[in-house]
Amino acid sequence: MLRLDAFVAKAAALTRSEAQRHIRRGEVCVAGIPVKDPSHKINDADEVTLAGALLFYSEFVYLMMNKPAGVVCANSDARDGTVFDLIDEKYRRRKLHTVGRLDRDTTGLLLLTDDGDFTHRVASPSSRIEKRYLAGTDVGLGDGDVEKIEDGLTLDGRKLSGTRVERVGDNTYVVTVFEGRYHEVKRIFSAFGSAVTSLKRLSIGHLELDPGLAPGSFRELTAEEREKIL
């Protein structure tokens, strides 16, 4: 059982006081009947509307964004815009966070949520969830460099495992990593004298970036898509 004002606040992305005002004005109906008591208890089977619009309750929100270059994965930044500037106010009120981070100049698949357990499972190196990137470089890898990377490059005194590199064009590679170390892809190429000039995340687990999302656009994940990640 859940208080009506708590349900409306969550479902409509309102503050508790805003939800209470709508309720007291008679704008909220339960099973078609106006209810003006914010403390009224509802259950999962109750149909709740606000100004005639059916409300759906979700404990957590999960967003997929096609992150553009030039914005940072922070709640605020004195110099640059942030990914949270790109989402609707109703989602900002949910106090979302990013699932891991992408650098300012890195683009592509970014997840945002208010589910801390989900974030830990996806971002933790121990989960071994693969992340695929498309990397453009100023200088191509030399003969045998791909084999050295896949055999296990040492970063920070520890050997990387499972890294895969596929050349897909001139100085362009698809790189799959599992550990998510700091600037991992850039440092892999730097170890061979090659600088990454562009980097785009293509997928997390079996979830691929929606090709219909323009840079800076986002949408909610489906339950099936969340399962593809874990």
C-alpha atoms as a PDB file:
ATOM      1  CA  MET A   1       0.000   0.000   0.000  1.00  0.00           C
ATOM      2  CA  LEU A   2       1.220   3.488  -0.897  1.00  0.00           C
ATOM      3  CA  ARG A   3       0.031   6.970   0.003  1.00  0.00           C
ATOM      4  CA  LEU A   4      -1.734   8.689  -2.868  1.00  0.00           C
ATOM      5  CA  ASP A   5       0.468  11.788  -2.711  1.00  0.00           C
ATOM      6  CA  ALA A   6       3.611   9.636  -2.813  1.00  0.00           C
ATOM      7  CA  PHE A   7       2.299   7.741  -5.839  1.00  0.00           C
ATOM      8  CA  VAL A   8       1.331  10.898  -7.742  1.00  0.00           C
ATOM      9  CA  ALA A   9       4.646  12.587  -6.929  1.00  0.00           C
ATOM     10  CA  LYS A  10       6.639   9.638  -8.249  1.00  0.00           C
ATOM     11  CA  ALA A  11       4.460   8.854 -11.248  1.00  0.00           C
ATOM     12  CA  ALA A  12       4.117  12.466 -12.421  1.00  0.00           C
ATOM     13  CA  ALA A  13       7.632  13.577 -11.352  1.00  0.00           C
ATOM     14  CA  LEU A  14       6.230  16.191  -8.969  1.00  0.00           C
ATOM     15  CA  THR A  15       7.275  17.319  -5.535  1.00  0.00           C
ATOM     16  CA  ARG A  16       5.167  15.948  -2.683  1.00  0.00           C
ATOM     17  CA  SER A  17       3.639  19.386  -2.072  1.00  0.00           C
ATOM     18  CA  GLU A  18       2.744  19.794  -5.766  1.00  0.00           C
ATOM     19  CA  ALA A  19       1.074  16.371  -5.753  1.00  0.00           C
ATOM     20  CA  GLN A  20      -0.893  17.294  -2.642  1.00  0.00           C
ATOM     21  CA  ARG A  21      -2.178  20.495  -4.273  1.00  0.00           C
ATOM     22  CA  HIS A  22      -3.446  18.546  -7.291  1.00  0.00           C
ATOM     23  CA  ILE A  23      -5.140  16.040  -5.002  1.00  0.00           C
ATOM     24  CA  ARG A  24      -6.846  18.661  -2.826  1.00  0.00           C
ATOM     25  CA  ARG A  25      -8.147  20.407  -5.954  1.00  0.00           C
ATOM     26  CA  GLY A  26      -9.878  17.171  -6.941  1.00  0.00           C
ATOM     27  CA  GLU A  27      -7.725  16.628 -10.022  1.00  0.00           C
ATOM     28  CA  VAL A  28      -6.682  13.109  -8.977  1.00  0.00           C
ATOM     29  CA  CYS A  29      -9.057  10.174  -9.378  1.00  0.00           C
ATOM     30  CA  VAL A  30      -8.757   6.621  -8.079  1.00  0.00           C
ATOM     31  CA  ALA A  31     -10.850   4.147 -10.075  1.00  0.00           C
ATOM     32  CA  GLY A  32     -12.613   7.119 -11.659  1.00  0.00           C
ATOM     33  CA  ILE A  33     -13.581   8.739  -8.360  1.00  0.00           C
ATOM     34  CA  PRO A  34     -11.964  12.018  -7.216  1.00  0.00           C
ATOM     35  CA  VAL A  35      -9.996  11.577  -3.994  1.00  0.00           C
ATOM     36  CA  LYS A  36      -8.969  14.714  -2.096  1.00  0.00           C
ATOM     37  CA  ASP A  37      -7.147  13.051   0.776  1.00  0.00           C
ATOM     38  CA  PRO A  38      -3.361  12.939   0.105  1.00  0.00           C
ATOM     39  CA  SER A  39      -2.943  10.180   2.699  1.00  0.00           C
ATOM     40  CA  HIS A  40      -5.412   7.868   0.944  1.00  0.00           C
ATOM     41  CA  LYS A  41      -3.809   4.427   0.499  1.00  0.00           C
ATOM     42  CA  ILE A  42      -3.729   2.737  -2.904  1.00  0.00           C
ATOM     43  CA  ASN A  43      -2.509  -0.630  -4.114  1.00  0.00           C
ATOM     44  CA  ASP A  44      -0.978  -1.897  -7.334  1.00  0.00           C
ATOM     45  CA  ALA A  45      -4.366  -2.678  -8.883  1.00  0.00           C
ATOM     46  CA  ASP A  46      -5.761   0.858  -8.479  1.00  0.00           C
ATOM     47  CA  GLU A  47      -6.097   3.004 -11.604  1.00  0.00           C
ATOM     48  CA  VAL A  48      -4.996   6.558 -10.822  1.00  0.00           C
ATOM     49  CA  THR A  49      -5.416   9.553 -13.118  1.00  0.00           C
ATOM     50  CA  LEU A  50      -4.246  13.151 -12.913  1.00  0.00           C
ATOM     51  CA  ALA A  51      -6.348  15.616 -14.892  1.00  0.00           C
ATOM     52  CA  GLY A  52      -7.648  12.653 -16.897  1.00  0.00           C
ATOM     53  CA  ALA A  53      -4.201  11.227 -17.739  1.00  0.00           C
ATOM     54  CA  LEU A  54      -3.466   7.724 -16.502  1.00  0.00           C
ATOM     55  CA  LEU A  55      -0.449   7.574 -14.190  1.00  0.00           C
ATOM     56  CA  PHE A  56       2.055   4.747 -14.076  1.00  0.00           C
ATOM     57  CA  TYR A  57       4.257   4.198 -11.051  1.00  0.00           C
ATOM     58  CA  SER A  58       7.848   3.158 -11.469  1.00  0.00           C
ATOM     59  CA  GLU A  59      10.124   2.755  -8.492  1.00  0.00           C
ATOM     60  CA  PHE A  60      13.168   3.499 -10.633  1.00  0.00           C
ATOM     61  CA  VAL A  61      13.864   5.212 -13.951  1.00  0.00           C
ATOM     62  CA  TYR A  62      16.345   3.921 -16.538  1.00  0.00           C
ATOM     63  CA  LEU A  63      17.334   6.139 -19.479  1.00  0.00           C
ATOM     64  CA  MET A  64      19.420   5.531 -22.583  1.00  0.00           C
ATOM     65  CA  MET A  65      21.116   8.627 -23.975  1.00  0.00           C
ATOM     66  CA  ASN A  66      23.173   9.199 -27.097  1.00  0.00           C
ATOM     67  CA  LYS A  67      25.705  11.435 -25.377  1.00  0.00           C
ATOM     68  CA  PRO A  68      27.063  14.214 -27.586  1.00  0.00           C
ATOM     69  CA  ALA A  69      30.569  15.643 -27.379  1.00  0.00           C
ATOM     70  CA  GLY A  70      31.088  18.753 -25.274  1.00  0.00           C
ATOM     71  CA  VAL A  71      29.010  17.820 -22.225  1.00  0.00           C
ATOM     72  CA  VAL A  72      30.214  16.182 -19.042  1.00  0.00           C
ATOM     73  CA  CYS A  73      28.822  13.448 -16.812  1.00  0.00           C
ATOM     74  CA  ALA A  74      28.350  15.645 -13.748  1.00  0.00           C
ATOM     75  CA  ASN A  75      25.400  17.199 -11.955  1.00  0.00           C
ATOM     76  CA  SER A  76      26.852  20.663 -12.513  1.00  0.00           C
ATOM     77  CA  ASP A  77      29.923  22.166 -14.108  1.00  0.00           C
ATOM     78  CA  ALA A  78      31.164  25.751 -14.089  1.00  0.00           C
ATOM     79  CA  ARG A  79      32.544  25.550 -17.630  1.00  0.00           C
ATOM     80  CA  ASP A  80      30.641  22.936 -19.621  1.00  0.00           C
ATOM     81  CA  GLY A  81      27.068  21.800 -19.980  1.00  0.00           C
ATOM     82  CA  THR A  82      26.164  18.468 -18.421  1.00  0.00           C
ATOM     83  CA  VAL A  83      24.177  15.461 -19.587  1.00  0.00           C
ATOM     84  CA  PHE A  84      21.515  16.414 -17.032  1.00  0.00           C
ATOM     85  CA  ASP A  85      20.904  19.663 -18.904  1.00  0.00           C
ATOM     86  CA  LEU A  86      19.664  17.488 -21.794  1.00  0.00           C
ATOM     87  CA  ILE A  87      16.930  15.613 -19.940  1.00  0.00           C
ATOM     88  CA  ASP A  88      13.416  16.755 -19.049  1.00  0.00           C
ATOM     89  CA  GLU A  89      12.662  18.440 -15.751  1.00  0.00           C
ATOM     90  CA  LYS A  90      10.536  15.505 -14.616  1.00  0.00           C
ATOM     91  CA  TYR A  91      13.615  13.267 -14.792  1.00  0.00           C
ATOM     92  CA  ARG A  92      15.909  15.800 -13.136  1.00  0.00           C
ATOM     93  CA  ARG A  93      13.549  15.774 -10.193  1.00  0.00           C
ATOM     94  CA  ARG A  94      14.211  12.055  -9.809  1.00  0.00           C
ATOM     95  CA  LYS A  95      17.856  12.867  -8.969  1.00  0.00           C
ATOM     96  CA  LEU A  96      19.299  10.516 -11.554  1.00  0.00           C
ATOM     97  CA  HIS A  97      22.982   9.684 -11.847  1.00  0.00           C
ATOM     98  CA  THR A  98      25.058   8.300 -14.695  1.00  0.00           C
ATOM     99  CA  VAL A  99      25.988   4.624 -14.802  1.00  0.00           C
ATOM    100  CA  GLY A 100      29.721   5.146 -15.061  1.00  0.00           C
ATOM    101  CA  ARG A 101      31.107   8.124 -16.938  1.00  0.00           C
ATOM    102  CA  LEU A 102      32.072   9.140 -20.439  1.00  0.00           C
ATOM    103  CA  ASP A 103      34.689  11.841 -20.980  1.00  0.00           C
ATOM    104  CA  ARG A 104      33.674  15.265 -22.268  1.00  0.00           C
ATOM    105  CA  ASP A 105      34.755  14.375 -25.806  1.00  0.00           C
ATOM    106  CA  THR A 106      33.445  10.786 -25.758  1.00  0.00           C
ATOM    107  CA  THR A 107      30.059  10.161 -27.364  1.00  0.00           C
ATOM    108  CA  GLY A 108      27.516   7.364 -27.575  1.00  0.00           C
ATOM    109  CA  LEU A 109      25.642   5.083 -25.219  1.00  0.00           C
ATOM    110  CA  LEU A 110      25.178   6.455 -21.718  1.00  0.00           C
ATOM    111  CA  LEU A 111      22.791   5.132 -19.075  1.00  0.00           C
ATOM    112  CA  LEU A 112      21.152   7.245 -16.372  1.00  0.00           C
ATOM    113  CA  THR A 113      19.132   5.928 -13.448  1.00  0.00           C
ATOM    114  CA  ASP A 114      18.189   6.405  -9.816  1.00  0.00           C
ATOM    115  CA  ASP A 115      18.729   2.702  -9.065  1.00  0.00           C
ATOM    116  CA  GLY A 116      21.996   2.450  -7.143  1.00  0.00           C
ATOM    117  CA  ASP A 117      22.079  -1.353  -7.113  1.00  0.00           C
ATOM    118  CA  PHE A 118      21.717  -1.447 -10.900  1.00  0.00           C
ATOM    119  CA  THR A 119      24.557   1.042 -11.293  1.00  0.00           C
ATOM    120  CA  HIS A 120      26.845  -0.978  -9.059  1.00  0.00           C
ATOM    121  CA  ARG A 121      26.177  -4.199 -10.963  1.00  0.00           C
ATOM    122  CA  VAL A 122      26.760  -2.600 -14.365  1.00  0.00           C
ATOM    123  CA  ALA A 123      29.773  -0.444 -13.489  1.00  0.00           C
ATOM    124  CA  SER A 124      31.648  -2.794 -11.167  1.00  0.00           C
ATOM    125  CA  PRO A 125      34.707  -4.389 -12.852  1.00  0.00           C
ATOM    126  CA  SER A 126      33.860  -7.633 -11.050  1.00  0.00           C
ATOM    127  CA  SER A 127      30.645  -7.920 -13.082  1.00  0.00           C
ATOM    128  CA  ARG A 128      32.695  -8.367 -16.276  1.00  0.00           C
ATOM    129  CA  ILE A 129      30.063  -6.635 -18.420  1.00  0.00           C
ATOM    130  CA  GLU A 130      31.562  -5.793 -21.796  1.00  0.00           C
ATOM    131  CA  LYS A 131      31.573  -2.278 -23.226  1.00  0.00           C
ATOM    132  CA  ARG A 132      32.231  -1.766 -26.946  1.00  0.00           C
ATOM    133  CA  TYR A 133      33.710   1.417 -28.386  1.00  0.00           C
ATOM    134  CA  LEU A 134      34.444   2.756 -31.837  1.00  0.00           C
ATOM    135  CA  ALA A 135      37.838   4.434 -31.677  1.00  0.00           C
ATOM    136  CA  GLY A 136      39.466   6.646 -34.283  1.00  0.00           C
ATOM    137  CA  THR A 137      43.199   7.209 -33.902  1.00  0.00           C
ATOM    138  CA  ASP A 138      45.860   9.479 -35.371  1.00  0.00           C
ATOM    139  CA  VAL A 139      48.232   6.570 -35.997  1.00  0.00           C
ATOM    140  CA  GLY A 140      47.269   2.971 -36.698  1.00  0.00           C
ATOM    141  CA  LEU A 141      48.478   0.074 -34.605  1.00  0.00           C
ATOM    142  CA  GLY A 142      51.557  -1.676 -35.855  1.00  0.00           C
ATOM    143  CA  ASP A 143      52.039  -5.321 -36.805  1.00  0.00           C
ATOM    144  CA  GLY A 144      51.495  -7.505 -33.763  1.00  0.00           C
ATOM    145  CA  ASP A 145      50.076  -4.709 -31.574  1.00  0.00           C
ATOM    146  CA  VAL A 146      46.544  -6.126 -31.594  1.00  0.00           C
ATOM    147  CA  GLU A 147      47.872  -9.497 -30.450  1.00  0.00           C
ATOM    148  CA  LYS A 148      49.817  -7.822 -27.627  1.00  0.00           C
ATOM    149  CA  ILE A 149      46.702  -5.997 -26.454  1.00  0.00           C
ATOM    150  CA  GLU A 150      44.548  -9.116 -26.550  1.00  0.00           C
ATOM    151  CA  ASP A 151      47.237 -11.152 -24.794  1.00  0.00           C
ATOM    152  CA  GLY A 152      46.888  -8.751 -21.867  1.00  0.00           C
ATOM    153  CA  LEU A 153      48.290  -5.252 -21.571  1.00  0.00           C
ATOM    154  CA  THR A 154      49.463  -4.119 -18.145  1.00  0.00           C
ATOM    155  CA  LEU A 155      47.940  -0.897 -16.794  1.00  0.00           C
ATOM    156  CA  ASP A 156      48.499   0.402 -13.265  1.00  0.00           C
ATOM    157  CA  GLY A 157      50.578  -2.685 -12.525  1.00  0.00           C
ATOM    158  CA  ARG A 158      47.699  -5.015 -13.330  1.00  0.00           C
ATOM    159  CA  LYS A 159      47.094  -7.033 -16.457  1.00  0.00           C
ATOM    160  CA  LEU A 160      43.981  -6.359 -18.518  1.00  0.00           C
ATOM    161  CA  SER A 161      42.026  -9.430 -19.493  1.00  0.00           C
ATOM    162  CA  GLY A 162      39.517 -10.102 -22.241  1.00  0.00           C
ATOM    163  CA  THR A 163      40.223  -6.972 -24.296  1.00  0.00           C
ATOM    164  CA  ARG A 164      39.381  -7.402 -27.975  1.00  0.00           C
ATOM    165  CA  VAL A 165      40.413  -5.134 -30.845  1.00  0.00           C
ATOM    166  CA  GLU A 166      39.053  -5.267 -34.398  1.00  0.00           C
ATOM    167  CA  ARG A 167      40.334  -3.031 -37.172  1.00  0.00           C
ATOM    168  CA  VAL A 168      37.311  -1.727 -39.127  1.00  0.00           C
ATOM    169  CA  GLY A 169      38.956   0.968 -41.243  1.00  0.00           C
ATOM    170  CA  ASP A 170      42.023   3.137 -41.640  1.00  0.00           C
ATOM    171  CA  ASN A 171      43.056   4.012 -38.089  1.00  0.00           C
ATOM    172  CA  THR A 172      39.602   2.947 -36.875  1.00  0.00           C
ATOM    173  CA  TYR A 173      38.938   0.136 -34.409  1.00  0.00           C
ATOM    174  CA  VAL A 174      36.149  -1.487 -32.425  1.00  0.00           C
ATOM    175  CA  VAL A 175      37.473  -2.110 -28.927  1.00  0.00           C
ATOM    176  CA  THR A 176      35.770  -4.315 -26.333  1.00  0.00           C
ATOM    177  CA  VAL A 177      36.760  -3.901 -22.682  1.00  0.00           C
ATOM    178  CA  PHE A 178      35.506  -5.487 -19.488  1.00  0.00           C
ATOM    179  CA  GLU A 179      37.074  -3.642 -16.566  1.00  0.00           C
ATOM    180  CA  GLY A 180      36.265   0.018 -17.136  1.00  0.00           C
ATOM    181  CA  ARG A 181      39.527   1.415 -15.813  1.00  0.00           C
ATOM    182  CA  TYR A 182      40.200   5.148 -15.969  1.00  0.00           C
ATOM    183  CA  HIS A 183      40.621   6.268 -19.627  1.00  0.00           C
ATOM    184  CA  GLU A 184      41.141   2.603 -20.450  1.00  0.00           C
ATOM    185  CA  VAL A 185      40.707   2.710 -24.234  1.00  0.00           C
ATOM    186  CA  LYS A 186      42.783   5.857 -24.646  1.00  0.00           C
ATOM    187  CA  ARG A 187      45.583   4.433 -22.517  1.00  0.00           C
ATOM    188  CA  ILE A 188      45.611   1.164 -24.451  1.00  0.00           C
ATOM    189  CA  PHE A 189      46.346   3.000 -27.692  1.00  0.00           C
ATOM    190  CA  SER A 190      48.718   5.432 -26.003  1.00  0.00           C
ATOM    191  CA  ALA A 191      50.850   2.489 -24.942  1.00  0.00           C
ATOM    192  CA  PHE A 192      51.609   1.960 -28.636  1.00  0.00           C
ATOM    193  CA  GLY A 193      52.179   5.623 -29.524  1.00  0.00           C
ATOM    194  CA  SER A 194      48.705   6.150 -30.922  1.00  0.00           C
ATOM    195  CA  ALA A 195      46.347   8.893 -29.734  1.00  0.00           C
ATOM    196  CA  VAL A 196      42.589   8.409 -29.785  1.00  0.00           C
ATOM    197  CA  THR A 197      41.013  11.241 -31.780  1.00  0.00           C
ATOM    198  CA  SER A 198      37.388  10.115 -31.477  1.00  0.00           C
ATOM    199  CA  LEU A 199      35.645   7.661 -29.181  1.00  0.00           C
ATOM    200  CA  LYS A 200      32.037   6.462 -29.215  1.00  0.00           C
ATOM    201  CA  ARG A 201      30.500   3.837 -26.946  1.00  0.00           C
ATOM    202  CA  LEU A 202      28.436   1.418 -28.994  1.00  0.00           C
ATOM    203  CA  SER A 203      27.080  -1.033 -26.433  1.00  0.00           C
ATOM    204  CA  ILE A 204      26.963  -2.201 -22.830  1.00  0.00           C
ATOM    205  CA  GLY A 205      26.485  -5.923 -22.416  1.00  0.00           C
ATOM    206  CA  HIS A 206      24.101  -6.925 -25.206  1.00  0.00           C
ATOM    207  CA  LEU A 207      22.382  -3.524 -25.208  1.00  0.00           C
ATOM    208  CA  GLU A 208      23.311  -1.463 -28.257  1.00  0.00           C
ATOM    209  CA  LEU A 209      22.830   2.256 -28.738  1.00  0.00           C
ATOM    210  CA  ASP A 210      19.499   2.911 -30.437  1.00  0.00           C
ATOM    211  CA  PRO A 211      20.420   4.117 -33.959  1.00  0.00           C
ATOM    212  CA  GLY A 212      17.299   6.279 -33.942  1.00  0.00           C
ATOM    213  CA  LEU A 213      18.580   8.439 -31.098  1.00  0.00           C
ATOM    214  CA  ALA A 214      20.189  11.638 -32.343  1.00  0.00           C
ATOM    215  CA  PRO A 215      23.116  13.036 -30.333  1.00  0.00           C
ATOM    216  CA  GLY A 216      21.726  14.575 -27.156  1.00  0.00           C
ATOM    217  CA  SER A 217      18.477  12.578 -27.327  1.00  0.00           C
ATOM    218  CA  PHE A 218      17.327  10.015 -24.781  1.00  0.00           C
ATOM    219  CA  ARG A 219      14.500   7.632 -23.971  1.00  0.00           C
ATOM    220  CA  GLU A 220      13.487   5.196 -21.260  1.00  0.00           C
ATOM    221  CA  LEU A 221      14.761   1.634 -21.404  1.00  0.00           C
ATOM    222  CA  THR A 222      12.325  -1.237 -21.640  1.00  0.00           C
ATOM    223  CA  ALA A 223      12.489  -4.092 -19.139  1.00  0.00           C
ATOM    224  CA  GLU A 224      13.797  -6.352 -21.909  1.00  0.00           C
ATOM    225  CA  GLU A 225      16.599  -3.914 -22.668  1.00  0.00           C
ATOM    226  CA  ARG A 226      17.657  -3.798 -19.029  1.00  0.00           C
ATOM    227  CA  GLU A 227      17.963  -7.568 -19.054  1.00  0.00           C
ATOM    228  CA  LYS A 228      20.288  -7.343 -22.072  1.00  0.00           C
ATOM    229  CA  ILE A 229      22.763  -5.418 -19.950  1.00  0.00           C
ATOM    230  CA  LEU A 230      22.904  -7.805 -17.022  1.00  0.00           C
END
